[in-house]
Amino acid sequence: MINSNKIKGRMREKNITQAMLANKLNIAQATCCQKLNNLRQMSLDEANAISEYLDIKPEEFGSYFFA
């Protein structure tokens, strides 16, 4: 389960919308919303892409994606 609040907070810091993130992941915005709210499972590839897009440091990865 991902730490939704932490990821959404990072998105606000970077001024990145769900639509922008969905576009980066090449998924529908509704699907992105479900993944961010733990209604759908997120793949490791998606987590890595989000981490890269949000400039999350490797040592912080676990606190965002393994809540």
PDB file of N, CA and C in Angstrom:
ATOM      1  N   MET A   1       0.844  -1.175   0.000  1.00  0.00           N
ATOM      2  CA  MET A   1       0.000   0.000   0.000  1.00  0.00           C
ATOM      3  C   MET A   1       0.894   1.246   0.000  1.00  0.00           C
ATOM      4  N   ILE A   2       0.564   2.196  -0.858  1.00  0.00           N
ATOM      5  CA  ILE A   2       1.379   3.406  -0.952  1.00  0.00           C
ATOM      6  C   ILE A   2       0.938   4.442   0.083  1.00  0.00           C
ATOM      7  N   ASN A   3       1.814   5.376   0.377  1.00  0.00           N
ATOM      8  CA  ASN A   3       1.501   6.478   1.287  1.00  0.00           C
ATOM      9  C   ASN A   3       0.896   7.608   0.442  1.00  0.00           C
ATOM     10  N   SER A   4      -0.400   7.542   0.242  1.00  0.00           N
ATOM     11  CA  SER A   4      -1.106   8.483  -0.632  1.00  0.00           C
ATOM     12  C   SER A   4      -0.884   9.933  -0.237  1.00  0.00           C
ATOM     13  N   ASN A   5      -0.998  10.220   1.062  1.00  0.00           N
ATOM     14  CA  ASN A   5      -0.856  11.601   1.517  1.00  0.00           C
ATOM     15  C   ASN A   5       0.523  12.160   1.211  1.00  0.00           C
ATOM     16  N   LYS A   6       1.528  11.332   1.387  1.00  0.00           N
ATOM     17  CA  LYS A   6       2.891  11.781   1.131  1.00  0.00           C
ATOM     18  C   LYS A   6       3.118  12.028  -0.363  1.00  0.00           C
ATOM     19  N   ILE A   7       2.619  11.137  -1.201  1.00  0.00           N
ATOM     20  CA  ILE A   7       2.770  11.312  -2.651  1.00  0.00           C
ATOM     21  C   ILE A   7       1.996  12.545  -3.119  1.00  0.00           C
ATOM     22  N   LYS A   8       0.768  12.695  -2.647  1.00  0.00           N
ATOM     23  CA  LYS A   8      -0.036  13.856  -3.043  1.00  0.00           C
ATOM     24  C   LYS A   8       0.599  15.158  -2.555  1.00  0.00           C
ATOM     25  N   GLY A   9       1.205  15.130  -1.377  1.00  0.00           N
ATOM     26  CA  GLY A   9       1.916  16.301  -0.872  1.00  0.00           C
ATOM     27  C   GLY A   9       3.096  16.659  -1.752  1.00  0.00           C
ATOM     28  N   ARG A  10       3.818  15.652  -2.202  1.00  0.00           N
ATOM     29  CA  ARG A  10       4.958  15.876  -3.097  1.00  0.00           C
ATOM     30  C   ARG A  10       4.486  16.415  -4.446  1.00  0.00           C
ATOM     31  N   MET A  11       3.345  15.916  -4.904  1.00  0.00           N
ATOM     32  CA  MET A  11       2.780  16.423  -6.149  1.00  0.00           C
ATOM     33  C   MET A  11       2.442  17.907  -6.012  1.00  0.00           C
ATOM     34  N   ARG A  12       1.878  18.300  -4.873  1.00  0.00           N
ATOM     35  CA  ARG A  12       1.568  19.721  -4.646  1.00  0.00           C
ATOM     36  C   ARG A  12       2.845  20.557  -4.631  1.00  0.00           C
ATOM     37  N   GLU A  13       3.880  20.053  -3.973  1.00  0.00           N
ATOM     38  CA  GLU A  13       5.167  20.769  -3.921  1.00  0.00           C
ATOM     39  C   GLU A  13       5.713  21.018  -5.327  1.00  0.00           C
ATOM     40  N   LYS A  14       5.561  20.038  -6.194  1.00  0.00           N
ATOM     41  CA  LYS A  14       6.108  20.109  -7.551  1.00  0.00           C
ATOM     42  C   LYS A  14       5.112  20.679  -8.564  1.00  0.00           C
ATOM     43  N   ASN A  15       3.907  21.047  -8.093  1.00  0.00           N
ATOM     44  CA  ASN A  15       2.842  21.550  -8.974  1.00  0.00           C
ATOM     45  C   ASN A  15       2.522  20.566 -10.097  1.00  0.00           C
ATOM     46  N   ILE A  16       2.404  19.297  -9.729  1.00  0.00           N
ATOM     47  CA  ILE A  16       2.076  18.245 -10.686  1.00  0.00           C
ATOM     48  C   ILE A  16       0.663  17.751 -10.385  1.00  0.00           C
ATOM     49  N   THR A  17      -0.182  17.784 -11.398  1.00  0.00           N
ATOM     50  CA  THR A  17      -1.569  17.346 -11.245  1.00  0.00           C
ATOM     51  C   THR A  17      -1.695  15.850 -11.522  1.00  0.00           C
ATOM     52  N   GLN A  18      -2.845  15.303 -11.130  1.00  0.00           N
ATOM     53  CA  GLN A  18      -3.106  13.892 -11.441  1.00  0.00           C
ATOM     54  C   GLN A  18      -3.121  13.677 -12.946  1.00  0.00           C
ATOM     55  N   ALA A  19      -3.641  14.647 -13.680  1.00  0.00           N
ATOM     56  CA  ALA A  19      -3.675  14.526 -15.139  1.00  0.00           C
ATOM     57  C   ALA A  19      -2.260  14.447 -15.704  1.00  0.00           C
ATOM     58  N   MET A  20      -1.362  15.264 -15.190  1.00  0.00           N
ATOM     59  CA  MET A  20       0.031  15.243 -15.644  1.00  0.00           C
ATOM     60  C   MET A  20       0.685  13.905 -15.303  1.00  0.00           C
ATOM     61  N   LEU A  21       0.418  13.421 -14.087  1.00  0.00           N
ATOM     62  CA  LEU A  21       0.996  12.148 -13.660  1.00  0.00           C
ATOM     63  C   LEU A  21       0.435  10.999 -14.497  1.00  0.00           C
ATOM     64  N   ALA A  22      -0.862  11.021 -14.748  1.00  0.00           N
ATOM     65  CA  ALA A  22      -1.490   9.985 -15.571  1.00  0.00           C
ATOM     66  C   ALA A  22      -0.875   9.980 -16.967  1.00  0.00           C
ATOM     67  N   ASN A  23      -0.649  11.159 -17.509  1.00  0.00           N
ATOM     68  CA  ASN A  23      -0.033  11.271 -18.836  1.00  0.00           C
ATOM     69  C   ASN A  23       1.370  10.671 -18.824  1.00  0.00           C
ATOM     70  N   LYS A  24       2.121  10.955 -17.782  1.00  0.00           N
ATOM     71  CA  LYS A  24       3.481  10.412 -17.656  1.00  0.00           C
ATOM     72  C   LYS A  24       3.460   8.883 -17.593  1.00  0.00           C
ATOM     73  N   LEU A  25       2.453   8.331 -16.891  1.00  0.00           N
ATOM     74  CA  LEU A  25       2.345   6.876 -16.742  1.00  0.00           C
ATOM     75  C   LEU A  25       1.631   6.221 -17.918  1.00  0.00           C
ATOM     76  N   ASN A  26       1.090   7.051 -18.810  1.00  0.00           N
ATOM     77  CA  ASN A  26       0.345   6.562 -19.962  1.00  0.00           C
ATOM     78  C   ASN A  26      -0.886   5.749 -19.547  1.00  0.00           C
ATOM     79  N   ILE A  27      -1.612   6.282 -18.550  1.00  0.00           N
ATOM     80  CA  ILE A  27      -2.851   5.663 -18.077  1.00  0.00           C
ATOM     81  C   ILE A  27      -3.922   6.745 -18.000  1.00  0.00           C
ATOM     82  N   ALA A  28      -5.171   6.331 -17.873  1.00  0.00           N
ATOM     83  CA  ALA A  28      -6.274   7.289 -17.737  1.00  0.00           C
ATOM     84  C   ALA A  28      -6.184   8.001 -16.389  1.00  0.00           C
ATOM     85  N   GLN A  29      -6.682   9.228 -16.339  1.00  0.00           N
ATOM     86  CA  GLN A  29      -6.642   9.987 -15.096  1.00  0.00           C
ATOM     87  C   GLN A  29      -7.426   9.268 -13.990  1.00  0.00           C
ATOM     88  N   ALA A  30      -8.548   8.658 -14.342  1.00  0.00           N
ATOM     89  CA  ALA A  30      -9.349   7.927 -13.346  1.00  0.00           C
ATOM     90  C   ALA A  30      -8.549   6.761 -12.763  1.00  0.00           C
ATOM     91  N   THR A  31      -7.800   6.076 -13.606  1.00  0.00           N
ATOM     92  CA  THR A  31      -6.959   4.967 -13.143  1.00  0.00           C
ATOM     93  C   THR A  31      -5.867   5.489 -12.215  1.00  0.00           C
ATOM     94  N   CYS A  32      -5.276   6.605 -12.583  1.00  0.00           N
ATOM     95  CA  CYS A  32      -4.243   7.223 -11.752  1.00  0.00           C
ATOM     96  C   CYS A  32      -4.815   7.559 -10.380  1.00  0.00           C
ATOM     97  N   CYS A  33      -5.998   8.139 -10.361  1.00  0.00           N
ATOM     98  CA  CYS A  33      -6.665   8.494  -9.105  1.00  0.00           C
ATOM     99  C   CYS A  33      -6.880   7.248  -8.247  1.00  0.00           C
ATOM    100  N   GLN A  34      -7.342   6.166  -8.848  1.00  0.00           N
ATOM    101  CA  GLN A  34      -7.563   4.927  -8.112  1.00  0.00           C
ATOM    102  C   GLN A  34      -6.264   4.378  -7.539  1.00  0.00           C
ATOM    103  N   LYS A  35      -5.190   4.466  -8.289  1.00  0.00           N
ATOM    104  CA  LYS A  35      -3.899   3.969  -7.810  1.00  0.00           C
ATOM    105  C   LYS A  35      -3.382   4.836  -6.662  1.00  0.00           C
ATOM    106  N   LEU A  36      -3.552   6.157  -6.783  1.00  0.00           N
ATOM    107  CA  LEU A  36      -3.093   7.054  -5.727  1.00  0.00           C
ATOM    108  C   LEU A  36      -3.910   6.906  -4.444  1.00  0.00           C
ATOM    109  N   ASN A  37      -5.142   6.422  -4.576  1.00  0.00           N
ATOM    110  CA  ASN A  37      -6.012   6.239  -3.414  1.00  0.00           C
ATOM    111  C   ASN A  37      -6.086   4.788  -2.955  1.00  0.00           C
ATOM    112  N   ASN A  38      -5.140   3.976  -3.413  1.00  0.00           N
ATOM    113  CA  ASN A  38      -5.029   2.573  -3.022  1.00  0.00           C
ATOM    114  C   ASN A  38      -6.263   1.748  -3.352  1.00  0.00           C
ATOM    115  N   LEU A  39      -6.979   2.123  -4.398  1.00  0.00           N
ATOM    116  CA  LEU A  39      -8.127   1.345  -4.840  1.00  0.00           C
ATOM    117  C   LEU A  39      -7.715   0.338  -5.911  1.00  0.00           C
ATOM    118  N   ARG A  40      -6.566   0.594  -6.519  1.00  0.00           N
ATOM    119  CA  ARG A  40      -5.961  -0.284  -7.518  1.00  0.00           C
ATOM    120  C   ARG A  40      -4.496  -0.445  -7.181  1.00  0.00           C
ATOM    121  N   GLN A  41      -3.968  -1.618  -7.469  1.00  0.00           N
ATOM    122  CA  GLN A  41      -2.561  -1.860  -7.191  1.00  0.00           C
ATOM    123  C   GLN A  41      -1.669  -1.100  -8.159  1.00  0.00           C
ATOM    124  N   MET A  42      -0.563  -0.629  -7.630  1.00  0.00           N
ATOM    125  CA  MET A  42       0.425   0.070  -8.448  1.00  0.00           C
ATOM    126  C   MET A  42       1.588  -0.883  -8.703  1.00  0.00           C
ATOM    127  N   SER A  43       2.047  -0.923  -9.931  1.00  0.00           N
ATOM    128  CA  SER A  43       3.179  -1.788 -10.254  1.00  0.00           C
ATOM    129  C   SER A  43       4.487  -1.125  -9.806  1.00  0.00           C
ATOM    130  N   LEU A  44       5.515  -1.924  -9.706  1.00  0.00           N
ATOM    131  CA  LEU A  44       6.825  -1.399  -9.333  1.00  0.00           C
ATOM    132  C   LEU A  44       7.332  -0.436 -10.409  1.00  0.00           C
ATOM    133  N   ASP A  45       7.064  -0.745 -11.661  1.00  0.00           N
ATOM    134  CA  ASP A  45       7.464   0.158 -12.752  1.00  0.00           C
ATOM    135  C   ASP A  45       6.779   1.513 -12.615  1.00  0.00           C
ATOM    136  N   GLU A  46       5.497   1.499 -12.266  1.00  0.00           N
ATOM    137  CA  GLU A  46       4.763   2.758 -12.067  1.00  0.00           C
ATOM    138  C   GLU A  46       5.323   3.525 -10.873  1.00  0.00           C
ATOM    139  N   ALA A  47       5.606   2.813  -9.793  1.00  0.00           N
ATOM    140  CA  ALA A  47       6.180   3.457  -8.616  1.00  0.00           C
ATOM    141  C   ALA A  47       7.535   4.082  -8.953  1.00  0.00           C
ATOM    142  N   ASN A  48       8.342   3.381  -9.712  1.00  0.00           N
ATOM    143  CA  ASN A  48       9.647   3.922 -10.125  1.00  0.00           C
ATOM    144  C   ASN A  48       9.475   5.155 -10.999  1.00  0.00           C
ATOM    145  N   ALA A  49       8.514   5.111 -11.922  1.00  0.00           N
ATOM    146  CA  ALA A  49       8.263   6.259 -12.803  1.00  0.00           C
ATOM    147  C   ALA A  49       7.786   7.465 -12.003  1.00  0.00           C
ATOM    148  N   ILE A  50       6.909   7.239 -11.047  1.00  0.00           N
ATOM    149  CA  ILE A  50       6.423   8.325 -10.191  1.00  0.00           C
ATOM    150  C   ILE A  50       7.563   8.894  -9.371  1.00  0.00           C
ATOM    151  N   SER A  51       8.370   8.016  -8.814  1.00  0.00           N
ATOM    152  CA  SER A  51       9.511   8.435  -8.011  1.00  0.00           C
ATOM    153  C   SER A  51      10.451   9.327  -8.811  1.00  0.00           C
ATOM    154  N   GLU A  52      10.710   8.925 -10.029  1.00  0.00           N
ATOM    155  CA  GLU A  52      11.586   9.703 -10.906  1.00  0.00           C
ATOM    156  C   GLU A  52      10.940  11.054 -11.251  1.00  0.00           C
ATOM    157  N   TYR A  53       9.661  11.026 -11.580  1.00  0.00           N
ATOM    158  CA  TYR A  53       8.936  12.235 -11.995  1.00  0.00           C
ATOM    159  C   TYR A  53       8.840  13.247 -10.852  1.00  0.00           C
ATOM    160  N   LEU A  54       8.688  12.736  -9.615  1.00  0.00           N
ATOM    161  CA  LEU A  54       8.543  13.618  -8.454  1.00  0.00           C
ATOM    162  C   LEU A  54       9.877  13.902  -7.755  1.00  0.00           C
ATOM    163  N   ASP A  55      10.964  13.443  -8.348  1.00  0.00           N
ATOM    164  CA  ASP A  55      12.305  13.636  -7.767  1.00  0.00           C
ATOM    165  C   ASP A  55      12.407  13.112  -6.339  1.00  0.00           C
ATOM    166  N   ILE A  56      11.887  11.911  -6.136  1.00  0.00           N
ATOM    167  CA  ILE A  56      11.979  11.268  -4.824  1.00  0.00           C
ATOM    168  C   ILE A  56      13.315  10.541  -4.768  1.00  0.00           C
ATOM    169  N   LYS A  57      14.091  10.826  -3.745  1.00  0.00           N
ATOM    170  CA  LYS A  57      15.408  10.212  -3.603  1.00  0.00           C
ATOM    171  C   LYS A  57      15.269   8.714  -3.330  1.00  0.00           C
ATOM    172  N   PRO A  58      16.221   7.926  -3.827  1.00  0.00           N
ATOM    173  CA  PRO A  58      16.157   6.472  -3.625  1.00  0.00           C
ATOM    174  C   PRO A  58      16.000   6.068  -2.156  1.00  0.00           C
ATOM    175  N   GLU A  59      16.662   6.789  -1.265  1.00  0.00           N
ATOM    176  CA  GLU A  59      16.574   6.439   0.158  1.00  0.00           C
ATOM    177  C   GLU A  59      15.210   6.790   0.770  1.00  0.00           C
ATOM    178  N   GLU A  60      14.402   7.586   0.059  1.00  0.00           N
ATOM    179  CA  GLU A  60      13.061   7.935   0.541  1.00  0.00           C
ATOM    180  C   GLU A  60      11.970   7.093  -0.118  1.00  0.00           C
ATOM    181  N   PHE A  61      12.342   6.295  -1.114  1.00  0.00           N
ATOM    182  CA  PHE A  61      11.379   5.519  -1.888  1.00  0.00           C
ATOM    183  C   PHE A  61      10.449   4.701  -0.995  1.00  0.00           C
ATOM    184  N   GLY A  62      10.993   4.001  -0.036  1.00  0.00           N
ATOM    185  CA  GLY A  62      10.201   3.134   0.844  1.00  0.00           C
ATOM    186  C   GLY A  62       9.141   3.885   1.627  1.00  0.00           C
ATOM    187  N   SER A  63       9.453   5.090   2.073  1.00  0.00           N
ATOM    188  CA  SER A  63       8.477   5.845   2.864  1.00  0.00           C
ATOM    189  C   SER A  63       7.301   6.339   2.025  1.00  0.00           C
ATOM    190  N   TYR A  64       7.465   6.379   0.721  1.00  0.00           N
ATOM    191  CA  TYR A  64       6.374   6.786  -0.179  1.00  0.00           C
ATOM    192  C   TYR A  64       5.566   5.592  -0.679  1.00  0.00           C
ATOM    193  N   PHE A  65       6.246   4.474  -0.930  1.00  0.00           N
ATOM    194  CA  PHE A  65       5.576   3.377  -1.614  1.00  0.00           C
ATOM    195  C   PHE A  65       5.398   2.095  -0.782  1.00  0.00           C
ATOM    196  N   PHE A  66       5.843   2.111   0.451  1.00  0.00           N
ATOM    197  CA  PHE A  66       5.640   0.941   1.318  1.00  0.00           C
ATOM    198  C   PHE A  66       5.145   1.413   2.665  1.00  0.00           C
ATOM    199  N   ALA A  67       3.961   2.023   2.662  1.00  0.00           N
ATOM    200  CA  ALA A  67       3.381   2.582   3.891  1.00  0.00           C
ATOM    201  C   ALA A  67       2.805   1.483   4.764  1.00  0.00           C
TER     202      ALA A  67
END
